[in-house]
Amino acid sequence: MMRKFIVSAVLLMVGLPLMHLLFSAWYGSSILLPQQSPNSKVAIVLGASVKSDGSLSGVLRDRADTAFELYQSGKVERILISGDNRSHDYNEVVPVKHYLIGRGIPPQYIYLDYAGFDTYSSMYRARDVFLVTDALIVTQKFHLPRALFLANSLKIRASGVVADRNHYPRLWYFYLREIPALIKAVYEVVTGAKPRHLGDTVDVFGEPQPFGLKDITEKS
């Protein structure tokens, strides 16, 4: 019994990291620096933690700065910020919006997804709520293989844009966390899981949204 347990544990320890390496290799050609990325209508900025005072963490700020670079260089026309706002006390999307507006992006070109509780929900809602068919996905390199796998599995044509602009002290932890997250992603795709929330559609490829349209740019 103990021998079987040890063998199983060893297989998991070897197999799960190998799975992540295989995904990284498979999607490697679609993971690009901002200046290498193709043009697309929209950049999807995936959520990350905010600080206790509501300001952007280093990881999230780098994603926002990368999205700004894509917009400024004409690579994208719209920005969809997707993140966690499951309570009034925690919001990953509005601080990014304010940051980008502060850098000069007009608010009518910024769309907010408050129910991007995980990467699968962000991709699913990008497709079904915001009608995204192709996009540039903005996040760090450790996250991009999983994000691209989910986007492609949901029939979104996507390239990944590397948002690593600084050193992250907990980078080892982010890579380690990707292993169970990738298993969860495969499970969600295979089972056809539904996000917790969907809602009315908002076409990010249509006319720019009117300034101050409350149900899109600010949550009541």
Foldseek 3Di string as FASTA:
>chain_A
DVVVVVVVVVCCVPVLLVVLVVLCVVQVVLEEALVPDAADAEEEEEFDADDQVRARDPQSVLLLVSRLVCVVVRSYQAYEYEEEDPDVRGFGWLNSLVVSVVVPDDSLRYWYHHQCHDLLQSLVQCCQAQVAQEYEYGGASLCPSLNVVSNVLNNRHYGYHHSPPDDDPCVVVSNVVVSVVSVVSVVCSVVVDDGPDHDHHHHSPDDRDPPCPDVINHDD
